[in-house]
Amino acid sequence: MKITSGRARRVAVLTTLLTALAAPAAHAAAPPTILSDGHVDAVAPAIVDGQLVVKVKDETQGQPAVVRDPADVVFQVLPAARQTVPASVTPGSPFSFLGAPGDAFWLIPQVQQQGVVWAGWSSESITPAQVGDSTLRWKLLGVEGPGAVQLYTIGAFSTPTIVFNSADGLPDEDLRPIGAHAHFNWAFHGTGLYTLTFEVSAKAPGGATISSGPVKYRFFVGDPVELPAADVQLSVGGLRGHYHPGDTVTLRAVQEPQTELDHYHWFARCGTAADFAEVGAGDTYSFTAAATHDGCQVKVTLYDETHTPLVTSDPVTVHVESHDEPGGEATAGGTVSGTVPGTLALALDGDGTASFGAFALGAERDYVASIGATASSSGEQNRLTIEDASASHPGHLVNGAYALAQPLQAQAAPGEYGDVGAAPLTLATFGQPLNAARVTLNLRQHIRGDEVLRTGAYGKTLKFTLATATP
C-alpha cells in the first residue's frame, strides 16, 4: 500500500409525504420544515451544559438564524441541482468517484447557486474554553436512500478532496476545527428520500470524549409527489401469531388512508443477513413457511409512477414453530463429509493508495486517510498487522532525505490508533474464520503548527499482513 501526502417554506404535498415517511404508524408527526433554497448551516455542533449537540442553523430568511433540530427539517434538492458527469471524466481520474460520463447526479454546490439549498458546516459557537483540544471529529455513519452520497470540496487547481463517500463503505471520518464555517459539494446519485446519519465528537476539558451520538438528517431529491393532503401510513397486514412448516404465509400492504398509488415492492431479512433484500412485488406477498423463516423480518415500500420510494412500513417478524408429531420414530446413521482447503487472503481496495491531501503549513492538525480491505481466512485465530519495513525513518513519512516529526498512526475501525514502526503493529484480531470480511483501515498523521515542511510529496510504502495461528 502506498500512502501520500430555499428559503424556508412549507410545501403541503411534500410535507405530507415526508411526515408519513418519518412517523411510526401509530403516531402522527408534526409537519417538517422544508428547506430548498438559501443559506443554512446544516450541521452546526454546539456545546450546551457540557453536552455536545448538533443543530441546524436556518438562515434562509436572513439573520438572526433560526436554530432547529435536524429531526424537524427536510432538505429538498430541487431539479435545478441535476448535473451529469462530464465526458472528460475517465476511470482513475480525480472525479471518477462521481460515476461514468453522462451519469446523472444532483448537487448541493460548494458555492451558492440560486434555486438550490446551500448547506454548510458551522462550529463557530464552540470556544476553546469548552473543549480539551481544537479538533472535532465528524463522522458519516450511514446512508439510506436510492443512491450513493458524496461530500467533497474543490480546492486549488480544481482538485477534489473527498470528505465522505458512501459508495466505498462507511463509516467515514473528517476532522474539523472549532470556530469554523465551511461549505461542501453534496452529491446525490438518484431521486427520492435519503437519511444520512452523522455523529460529532470532541474532547472535553478534562480529557473525556463527548459525543452527539447518531443524528439523522433527511434529504429529498426531486419534486414533491402528488399525494392527498393527509398523513399516509403504510403497514403490513395479514400476519398471524405463528406458523408451522408448510403453512402459506400471505402478507398484504395496507395504506391508511387509501390512495390511488398501488406500486409496491417487498423486502425481507432472514437469519444473519445484515440488509433487507427484495423478495417480491405487488400488493400481497406469499411464501410457504419453513423452519428457516423463523425470525424473518418483512417490510413493504410504496413507490410513485416514476419508481421513487414514497413510504416504507415498519418491519414485521414471522414466527415459525416446529412441533414434534406424536408416535414412534425410526433412526438411521449416515456420514457425509467435505474438506476446506487452507485459505488466507488480504486485498486492499483500488490500487492500495490513500492520500492525506495537502498538508497546511503553520496549522496544527491531524490528517486522516482511509482505505478498505477484504480479509479471508479459514483459520480460527487471525491477526491483522501493519509495519514499515523501510530502512529510512521507519514509521515516519519521508520526502527524500527528510521525515515528518510525528509518527504515522493506524487503526482498523473501530479500534484504537497506534504508532506505526518497524515492528508489526496489531490492528485487529479475529477469533473466527473470515469470509470476505470488510475492514476499514484508517491512517492518521499529526502535523505541528511549527513543523518545517518541504515542497514535494511525503510518503511511505507500508506492509499489511493477515496471519493465522491455526491452519
Protein backbone atom coordinates (compact mmCIF):
# COMPACT_ATOMS: atom_id res chain seq x y z
CA MET A 1 0.00 0.00 0.00
CA LYS A 2 1.32 3.44 -0.97
CA ILE A 3 0.29 6.45 1.11
CA THR A 4 0.86 10.08 0.05
CA SER A 5 0.60 13.20 1.40
CA GLY A 6 -34.86 27.68 -0.09
CA ARG A 7 -35.90 30.00 1.57
CA ALA A 8 -37.62 28.17 4.45
CA ARG A 9 -41.04 27.11 3.23
CA ARG A 10 -43.85 24.67 3.96
CA VAL A 11 -44.74 22.54 0.93
CA ALA A 12 -48.04 20.83 1.78
CA VAL A 13 -47.65 17.87 -0.59
CA LEU A 14 -44.00 17.15 0.20
CA THR A 15 -44.64 17.75 3.90
CA THR A 16 -47.38 15.14 3.81
CA LEU A 17 -45.09 12.63 2.15
CA LEU A 18 -42.17 13.14 4.47
CA THR A 19 -44.32 13.17 7.60
CA ALA A 20 -45.59 9.75 6.60
CA LEU A 21 -42.09 8.50 5.91
CA ALA A 22 -40.74 9.71 9.22
CA ALA A 23 -43.53 8.86 11.64
CA PRO A 24 -44.28 5.47 13.25
CA ALA A 25 -47.57 4.02 12.07
CA ALA A 26 -49.34 4.64 15.38
CA HIS A 27 -48.41 8.29 15.72
CA ALA A 28 -48.87 11.47 13.67
CA ALA A 29 -45.79 13.65 13.31
CA ALA A 30 -45.69 17.42 13.12
CA PRO A 31 -45.00 18.61 9.55
CA PRO A 32 -41.26 19.11 8.97
CA THR A 33 -39.75 22.38 7.78
CA ILE A 34 -38.73 22.08 4.11
CA LEU A 35 -35.52 23.95 3.21
CA SER A 36 -34.97 24.14 -0.55
CA ASP A 37 -33.20 27.45 -1.20
CA GLY A 38 -30.88 29.87 0.59
CA HIS A 39 -28.11 29.52 3.16
CA VAL A 40 -28.32 27.04 6.02
CA ASP A 41 -25.62 25.56 8.26
CA ALA A 42 -26.97 22.03 8.05
CA VAL A 43 -24.51 20.58 10.56
CA ALA A 44 -23.92 23.03 13.42
CA PRO A 45 -22.40 21.38 16.51
CA ALA A 46 -22.62 23.23 19.81
CA ILE A 47 -21.91 22.54 23.47
CA VAL A 48 -24.87 23.09 25.78
CA ASP A 49 -24.48 22.46 29.53
CA GLY A 50 -21.35 20.41 28.85
CA GLN A 51 -23.14 18.20 26.28
CA LEU A 52 -22.28 18.16 22.58
CA VAL A 53 -25.37 18.59 20.41
CA VAL A 54 -25.89 19.04 16.67
CA LYS A 55 -28.38 21.59 15.36
CA VAL A 56 -29.47 23.21 12.08
CA LYS A 57 -28.89 26.98 11.75
CA ASP A 58 -31.51 28.15 9.26
CA GLU A 59 -30.57 31.46 7.63
CA THR A 60 -32.86 31.09 4.62
CA GLN A 61 -34.91 34.03 5.95
CA GLY A 62 -31.82 36.05 6.85
CA GLN A 63 -30.39 36.93 10.25
CA PRO A 64 -30.78 36.06 13.03
CA ALA A 65 -30.62 32.37 12.26
CA VAL A 66 -33.42 30.07 13.37
CA VAL A 67 -31.98 27.11 15.29
CA ARG A 68 -33.80 23.85 14.53
CA ASP A 69 -33.48 20.19 15.44
CA PRO A 70 -32.37 18.00 12.49
CA ALA A 71 -35.39 15.74 13.12
CA ASP A 72 -37.69 18.70 12.32
CA VAL A 73 -36.08 19.53 8.96
CA VAL A 74 -36.06 18.09 5.44
CA PHE A 75 -33.56 19.49 2.93
CA GLN A 76 -35.12 19.44 -0.53
CA VAL A 77 -32.75 19.23 -3.50
CA LEU A 78 -34.79 20.60 -6.40
CA PRO A 79 -34.45 19.51 -10.08
CA ALA A 80 -32.31 22.60 -10.74
CA ALA A 81 -29.49 20.78 -8.93
CA ARG A 82 -29.32 18.00 -11.57
CA GLN A 83 -25.96 17.60 -13.30
CA THR A 84 -24.24 14.98 -15.44
CA VAL A 85 -20.71 13.63 -15.17
CA PRO A 86 -18.60 15.37 -17.88
CA ALA A 87 -17.16 13.42 -20.81
CA SER A 88 -13.67 14.37 -19.59
CA VAL A 89 -14.01 12.13 -16.51
CA THR A 90 -12.20 8.83 -17.13
CA PRO A 91 -11.60 5.81 -14.84
CA GLY A 92 -8.99 6.71 -12.25
CA SER A 93 -9.25 10.45 -12.84
CA PRO A 94 -9.83 12.74 -9.82
CA PHE A 95 -13.60 13.00 -10.37
CA SER A 96 -14.22 9.35 -11.32
CA PHE A 97 -15.90 8.77 -7.93
CA LEU A 98 -18.93 10.60 -9.40
CA GLY A 99 -19.52 7.87 -11.98
CA ALA A 100 -19.18 7.40 -15.72
CA PRO A 101 -19.58 10.21 -18.29
CA GLY A 102 -23.26 11.03 -18.77
CA ASP A 103 -24.35 9.67 -15.38
CA ALA A 104 -26.83 11.96 -13.64
CA PHE A 105 -26.40 13.25 -10.09
CA TRP A 106 -27.92 16.05 -8.00
CA LEU A 107 -25.53 18.56 -6.42
CA ILE A 108 -25.78 20.93 -3.48
CA PRO A 109 -22.80 23.06 -4.53
CA GLN A 110 -19.88 24.35 -2.50
CA VAL A 111 -20.56 27.82 -3.98
CA GLN A 112 -24.08 29.20 -3.62
CA GLN A 113 -26.44 28.66 -6.57
CA GLN A 114 -29.80 30.35 -6.92
CA GLY A 115 -32.67 27.91 -6.55
CA VAL A 116 -30.63 25.26 -4.69
CA VAL A 117 -30.30 24.99 -0.93
CA TRP A 118 -26.77 25.98 0.21
CA ALA A 119 -25.90 23.57 3.03
CA GLY A 120 -22.78 24.10 5.13
CA TRP A 121 -20.99 23.36 8.41
CA SER A 122 -20.61 25.71 11.39
CA SER A 123 -18.68 25.10 14.61
CA GLU A 124 -18.46 28.85 15.24
CA SER A 125 -20.32 28.67 18.55
CA ILE A 126 -17.75 26.38 20.21
CA THR A 127 -14.99 28.20 22.10
CA PRO A 128 -11.57 26.88 23.23
CA ALA A 129 -12.73 27.00 26.87
CA GLN A 130 -15.42 24.42 26.16
CA VAL A 131 -13.17 21.68 24.75
CA GLY A 132 -9.91 19.95 25.54
CA ASP A 133 -8.45 20.49 22.07
CA SER A 134 -9.46 22.39 18.95
CA THR A 135 -10.41 19.38 16.80
CA LEU A 136 -13.90 17.98 16.23
CA ARG A 137 -14.42 14.54 14.74
CA TRP A 138 -17.27 14.49 12.21
CA LYS A 139 -18.44 11.04 11.09
CA LEU A 140 -20.87 9.85 8.45
CA LEU A 141 -22.14 6.59 9.97
CA GLY A 142 -24.68 5.51 7.38
CA VAL A 143 -26.74 6.40 4.32
CA GLU A 144 -30.21 5.07 3.50
CA GLY A 145 -31.68 6.04 0.15
CA PRO A 146 -31.91 5.41 -3.58
CA GLY A 147 -28.23 6.02 -4.32
CA ALA A 148 -24.74 6.82 -3.10
CA VAL A 149 -23.84 10.14 -1.44
CA GLN A 150 -20.54 12.01 -1.50
CA LEU A 151 -19.34 15.19 0.23
CA TYR A 152 -16.26 16.77 -1.28
CA THR A 153 -14.51 20.09 -1.70
CA ILE A 154 -12.76 21.58 -4.71
CA GLY A 155 -9.53 23.39 -3.91
CA ALA A 156 -6.63 24.86 -5.83
CA PHE A 157 -6.21 23.67 -9.45
CA SER A 158 -9.82 22.33 -9.35
CA THR A 159 -8.72 19.21 -7.47
CA PRO A 160 -11.40 17.42 -5.42
CA THR A 161 -10.87 16.32 -1.82
CA ILE A 162 -13.38 13.67 -0.73
CA VAL A 163 -14.79 14.21 2.76
CA PHE A 164 -17.35 11.37 2.81
CA ASN A 165 -18.19 8.70 0.22
CA SER A 166 -20.87 6.12 0.96
CA ALA A 167 -20.06 4.25 -2.28
CA ASP A 168 -16.81 2.78 -0.88
CA GLY A 169 -18.06 1.90 2.60
CA LEU A 170 -18.90 3.66 5.85
CA PRO A 171 -18.27 5.00 8.44
CA ASP A 172 -16.11 7.85 7.16
CA GLU A 173 -14.46 10.45 9.42
CA ASP A 174 -13.35 14.04 8.87
CA LEU A 175 -11.52 16.33 11.28
CA ARG A 176 -12.87 19.88 11.66
CA PRO A 177 -11.56 22.78 13.78
CA ILE A 178 -13.73 24.61 16.27
CA GLY A 179 -14.85 28.15 15.47
CA ALA A 180 -15.03 27.37 11.74
CA HIS A 181 -17.51 27.73 8.90
CA ALA A 182 -17.30 25.75 5.65
CA HIS A 183 -19.29 24.58 2.65
CA PHE A 184 -19.02 21.40 0.60
CA ASN A 185 -20.36 19.79 -2.54
CA TRP A 186 -23.09 17.26 -1.65
CA ALA A 187 -23.66 14.76 -4.49
CA PHE A 188 -26.75 12.50 -4.53
CA HIS A 189 -26.98 9.71 -7.10
CA GLY A 190 -30.73 9.24 -7.54
CA THR A 191 -34.05 10.88 -6.76
CA GLY A 192 -36.05 10.12 -3.63
CA LEU A 193 -35.64 10.29 0.12
CA TYR A 194 -32.24 9.92 1.81
CA THR A 195 -31.44 9.53 5.50
CA LEU A 196 -27.86 10.47 6.45
CA THR A 197 -26.68 9.56 9.95
CA PHE A 198 -23.94 11.82 11.33
CA GLU A 199 -22.03 11.92 14.62
CA VAL A 200 -19.80 14.69 16.01
CA SER A 201 -17.43 14.14 18.93
CA ALA A 202 -14.79 16.15 20.80
CA LYS A 203 -12.54 16.09 23.84
CA ALA A 204 -13.93 17.73 26.96
CA PRO A 205 -11.61 19.98 29.00
CA GLY A 206 -10.96 17.06 31.38
CA GLY A 207 -9.93 14.77 28.51
CA ALA A 208 -13.08 12.62 28.30
CA THR A 209 -14.77 12.16 24.93
CA ILE A 210 -18.14 13.84 24.46
CA SER A 211 -20.35 12.88 21.54
CA SER A 212 -23.58 13.96 19.91
CA GLY A 213 -24.49 10.32 19.31
CA PRO A 214 -26.05 9.35 15.96
CA VAL A 215 -28.08 12.19 14.44
CA LYS A 216 -30.30 11.58 11.40
CA TYR A 217 -30.70 14.08 8.57
CA ARG A 218 -33.28 13.83 5.77
CA PHE A 219 -32.74 15.00 2.18
CA PHE A 220 -35.42 14.71 -0.51
CA VAL A 221 -34.10 14.87 -4.11
CA GLY A 222 -36.64 15.89 -6.74
CA ASP A 223 -40.07 17.50 -6.99
CA PRO A 224 -42.76 16.85 -4.37
CA VAL A 225 -45.06 13.95 -5.15
CA GLU A 226 -48.81 14.43 -5.58
CA LEU A 227 -50.38 12.73 -2.55
CA PRO A 228 -53.66 13.50 -0.79
CA ALA A 229 -53.50 16.20 1.87
CA ALA A 230 -53.41 13.72 4.79
CA ASP A 231 -50.84 11.62 6.59
CA VAL A 232 -50.31 8.43 4.58
CA GLN A 233 -49.29 5.45 6.69
CA LEU A 234 -48.18 2.08 5.33
CA SER A 235 -48.28 -1.16 7.31
CA VAL A 236 -48.15 -4.92 6.74
CA GLY A 237 -51.42 -6.81 7.25
CA GLY A 238 -52.33 -10.49 7.30
CA LEU A 239 -49.61 -11.62 9.72
CA ARG A 240 -50.63 -14.46 12.06
CA GLY A 241 -49.22 -15.03 15.54
CA HIS A 242 -47.20 -18.02 14.32
CA TYR A 243 -47.00 -20.54 11.50
CA HIS A 244 -45.95 -24.18 11.10
CA PRO A 245 -43.66 -25.50 8.36
CA GLY A 246 -45.72 -25.97 5.19
CA ASP A 247 -48.23 -23.21 6.01
CA THR A 248 -48.83 -20.49 3.41
CA VAL A 249 -47.84 -17.03 4.63
CA THR A 250 -49.76 -14.24 2.86
CA LEU A 251 -48.97 -10.63 3.76
CA ARG A 252 -50.67 -7.56 2.29
CA ALA A 253 -49.81 -3.88 2.03
CA VAL A 254 -52.22 -1.59 3.91
CA GLN A 255 -52.44 2.17 3.23
CA GLU A 256 -54.23 4.48 5.67
CA PRO A 257 -55.89 6.40 4.12
CA GLN A 258 -56.03 4.53 0.79
CA THR A 259 -54.60 6.37 -2.26
CA GLU A 260 -54.62 5.64 -5.98
CA LEU A 261 -50.98 4.50 -5.83
CA ASP A 262 -50.52 0.71 -5.89
CA HIS A 263 -46.88 0.05 -6.85
CA TYR A 264 -45.29 -1.99 -4.05
CA HIS A 265 -42.05 -3.90 -3.53
CA TRP A 266 -41.45 -6.34 -0.65
CA PHE A 267 -38.18 -6.79 1.24
CA ALA A 268 -37.07 -9.45 3.74
CA ARG A 269 -34.13 -10.04 6.10
CA CYS A 270 -33.61 -13.56 7.44
CA GLY A 271 -31.01 -15.37 9.53
CA THR A 272 -27.71 -13.50 9.88
CA ALA A 273 -28.31 -11.18 6.90
CA ALA A 274 -27.36 -7.58 7.67
CA ASP A 275 -29.52 -5.96 5.00
CA PHE A 276 -33.00 -6.35 3.58
CA ALA A 277 -33.24 -7.96 0.12
CA GLU A 278 -36.08 -7.56 -2.37
CA VAL A 279 -38.31 -10.67 -2.45
CA GLY A 280 -41.43 -9.69 -4.40
CA ALA A 281 -43.72 -7.05 -5.89
CA GLY A 282 -47.43 -6.34 -5.75
CA ASP A 283 -49.93 -5.54 -3.02
CA THR A 284 -49.52 -9.02 -1.49
CA TYR A 285 -46.54 -11.29 -0.82
CA SER A 286 -46.91 -15.06 -0.25
CA PHE A 287 -44.49 -17.89 0.53
CA THR A 288 -44.50 -21.36 2.10
CA ALA A 289 -43.29 -21.30 5.70
CA ALA A 290 -40.18 -23.28 6.61
CA ALA A 291 -38.19 -23.57 9.83
CA THR A 292 -35.56 -21.27 8.30
CA HIS A 293 -38.15 -18.48 8.08
CA ASP A 294 -38.47 -18.24 11.88
CA GLY A 295 -37.47 -14.70 12.88
CA CYS A 296 -37.51 -13.31 9.32
CA GLN A 297 -38.42 -9.62 9.10
CA VAL A 298 -40.57 -8.39 6.18
CA LYS A 299 -41.42 -4.83 5.12
CA VAL A 300 -43.09 -3.21 2.11
CA THR A 301 -42.36 0.05 0.25
CA LEU A 302 -44.82 2.13 -1.81
CA TYR A 303 -43.48 3.81 -4.99
CA ASP A 304 -44.86 6.51 -7.26
CA GLU A 305 -45.25 6.37 -11.06
CA THR A 306 -41.55 7.27 -11.54
CA HIS A 307 -40.47 4.44 -9.21
CA THR A 308 -39.49 6.88 -6.48
CA PRO A 309 -39.88 5.31 -3.00
CA LEU A 310 -42.53 7.19 -1.02
CA VAL A 311 -43.14 5.38 2.26
CA THR A 312 -41.90 2.16 3.89
CA SER A 313 -43.73 0.18 6.54
CA ASP A 314 -42.25 -0.88 9.84
CA PRO A 315 -40.92 -4.45 9.50
CA VAL A 316 -42.95 -7.35 10.90
CA THR A 317 -41.44 -10.57 12.24
CA VAL A 318 -42.57 -14.01 11.06
CA HIS A 319 -42.58 -16.78 13.67
CA VAL A 320 -42.45 -20.42 12.52
CA GLU A 321 -42.82 -23.14 15.16
CA SER A 322 -41.84 -26.79 14.57
CA HIS A 323 -43.75 -29.31 16.71
CA ASP A 324 -42.78 -33.00 17.01
CA GLU A 325 -45.53 -35.30 15.74
CA PRO A 326 -46.81 -37.92 18.26
CA GLY A 327 -45.91 -41.60 17.80
CA GLY A 328 -42.74 -43.63 17.37
CA GLU A 329 -39.61 -42.80 15.47
CA ALA A 330 -37.08 -44.58 13.29
CA THR A 331 -33.46 -43.53 13.01
CA ALA A 332 -30.55 -44.47 10.78
CA GLY A 333 -26.96 -43.35 10.81
CA GLY A 334 -25.23 -41.78 7.85
CA THR A 335 -21.99 -39.97 7.19
CA VAL A 336 -21.32 -37.03 4.91
CA SER A 337 -18.11 -35.04 4.76
CA GLY A 338 -16.37 -32.26 2.97
CA THR A 339 -12.99 -30.54 3.17
CA VAL A 340 -11.97 -26.92 3.30
CA PRO A 341 -8.53 -26.07 1.87
CA GLY A 342 -6.38 -23.66 3.83
CA THR A 343 -7.34 -20.12 2.77
CA LEU A 344 -5.60 -16.86 3.66
CA ALA A 345 -6.06 -13.70 1.59
CA LEU A 346 -5.89 -9.93 2.10
CA ALA A 347 -6.78 -7.41 -0.64
CA LEU A 348 -6.77 -3.60 -0.49
CA ASP A 349 -9.37 -1.63 -2.43
CA GLY A 350 -8.37 0.02 -5.68
CA ASP A 351 -4.62 0.38 -6.15
CA GLY A 352 -3.96 0.38 -2.39
CA THR A 353 -3.29 4.12 -2.26
CA ALA A 354 -4.57 6.53 0.40
CA SER A 355 -3.97 10.27 0.43
CA PHE A 356 -3.98 12.88 3.20
CA GLY A 357 -4.30 15.61 0.61
CA ALA A 358 -2.26 18.80 1.04
CA PHE A 359 -0.52 19.50 4.37
CA ALA A 360 -1.16 23.07 5.55
CA LEU A 361 1.98 24.93 6.63
CA GLY A 362 1.67 26.57 10.04
CA ALA A 363 -1.54 24.81 11.06
CA GLU A 364 -1.53 22.16 13.78
CA ARG A 365 -3.98 19.38 12.99
CA ASP A 366 -4.49 15.69 12.38
CA TYR A 367 -4.92 14.40 8.84
CA VAL A 368 -6.89 11.19 8.29
CA ALA A 369 -6.98 8.90 5.24
CA SER A 370 -8.83 5.61 4.84
CA ILE A 371 -8.76 2.57 2.60
CA GLY A 372 -10.96 -0.51 2.58
CA ALA A 373 -9.66 -4.07 2.75
CA THR A 374 -11.17 -7.53 2.27
CA ALA A 375 -9.88 -10.35 4.51
CA SER A 376 -10.49 -14.09 4.12
CA SER A 377 -9.12 -16.90 6.28
CA SER A 378 -10.13 -20.46 7.10
CA GLY A 379 -8.14 -20.31 10.36
CA GLU A 380 -9.75 -19.89 13.76
CA GLN A 381 -7.36 -17.24 15.12
CA ASN A 382 -6.32 -14.39 12.82
CA ARG A 383 -4.34 -11.20 13.29
CA LEU A 384 -4.08 -8.12 11.03
CA THR A 385 -0.88 -6.07 11.38
CA ILE A 386 0.88 -3.11 9.78
CA GLU A 387 4.60 -2.37 9.64
CA ASP A 388 7.06 -0.06 7.94
CA ALA A 389 9.88 -2.26 6.67
CA SER A 390 11.84 0.59 5.09
CA ALA A 391 15.32 1.45 6.32
CA SER A 392 14.70 5.19 6.18
CA HIS A 393 12.91 6.60 9.25
CA PRO A 394 10.59 3.65 9.99
CA GLY A 395 7.09 4.79 10.93
CA HIS A 396 7.54 8.31 9.52
CA LEU A 397 6.50 9.73 6.14
CA VAL A 398 9.54 10.88 4.18
CA ASN A 399 10.19 13.39 1.44
CA GLY A 400 13.59 12.50 0.08
CA ALA A 401 16.03 12.63 3.00
CA TYR A 402 13.57 14.47 5.24
CA ALA A 403 10.97 12.90 7.53
CA LEU A 404 7.94 14.22 9.40
CA ALA A 405 8.48 14.68 13.12
CA GLN A 406 5.43 12.77 14.32
CA PRO A 407 4.98 9.05 13.64
CA LEU A 408 2.28 7.78 11.35
CA GLN A 409 -0.62 6.17 13.25
CA ALA A 410 -3.01 3.45 12.12
CA GLN A 411 -6.20 1.70 13.26
CA ALA A 412 -8.66 -0.84 11.97
CA ALA A 413 -12.03 0.78 12.69
CA PRO A 414 -13.39 0.95 15.34
CA GLY A 415 -10.15 0.10 17.23
CA GLU A 416 -7.59 2.41 18.83
CA TYR A 417 -4.83 4.20 16.94
CA GLY A 418 -1.23 3.06 17.44
CA ASP A 419 2.16 4.25 16.16
CA VAL A 420 3.42 2.55 13.01
CA GLY A 421 7.02 1.36 13.19
CA ALA A 422 9.48 -1.27 12.07
CA ALA A 423 7.88 -3.87 14.31
CA PRO A 424 4.40 -5.15 13.34
CA LEU A 425 1.56 -3.19 14.98
CA THR A 426 -1.56 -5.27 15.63
CA LEU A 427 -4.63 -3.53 14.16
CA ALA A 428 -7.23 -6.25 14.77
CA THR A 429 -7.61 -9.83 15.94
CA PHE A 430 -10.35 -12.20 14.83
CA GLY A 431 -11.36 -15.25 16.85
CA GLN A 432 -13.14 -16.93 13.95
CA PRO A 433 -12.65 -17.68 10.22
CA LEU A 434 -13.19 -14.78 7.83
CA ASN A 435 -15.24 -14.89 4.63
CA ALA A 436 -14.51 -11.76 2.59
CA ALA A 437 -14.77 -9.67 5.78
CA ARG A 438 -14.66 -5.91 5.15
CA VAL A 439 -12.19 -3.89 7.23
CA THR A 440 -11.76 -0.09 7.17
CA LEU A 441 -8.10 0.86 7.62
CA ASN A 442 -7.60 4.42 8.90
CA LEU A 443 -4.26 6.26 8.91
CA ARG A 444 -3.64 9.46 10.87
CA GLN A 445 -0.77 11.94 10.61
CA HIS A 446 -0.28 14.77 13.10
CA ILE A 447 1.40 17.97 11.84
CA ARG A 448 2.62 20.51 14.40
CA GLY A 449 1.98 24.15 13.78
CA ASP A 450 5.72 24.91 13.98
CA GLU A 451 6.84 21.96 11.89
CA VAL A 452 9.05 22.67 8.88
CA LEU A 453 7.53 21.20 5.72
CA ARG A 454 9.37 20.90 2.41
CA THR A 455 7.92 21.09 -1.07
CA GLY A 456 7.12 17.69 -2.51
CA ALA A 457 5.33 14.50 -1.56
CA TYR A 458 5.73 12.82 1.81
CA GLY A 459 5.03 9.12 1.57
CA LYS A 460 5.80 5.57 2.64
CA THR A 461 5.12 2.06 1.38
CA LEU A 462 3.56 0.09 4.22
CA LYS A 463 3.08 -3.64 4.72
CA PHE A 464 -0.27 -5.05 5.89
CA THR A 465 -0.24 -8.69 6.96
CA LEU A 466 -3.09 -11.09 7.75
CA ALA A 467 -1.71 -14.08 9.65
CA THR A 468 -3.40 -17.09 11.21
CA ALA A 469 -2.25 -19.05 14.23
CA THR A 470 -4.15 -22.19 13.19
CA PRO A 471 -4.32 -23.73 9.73
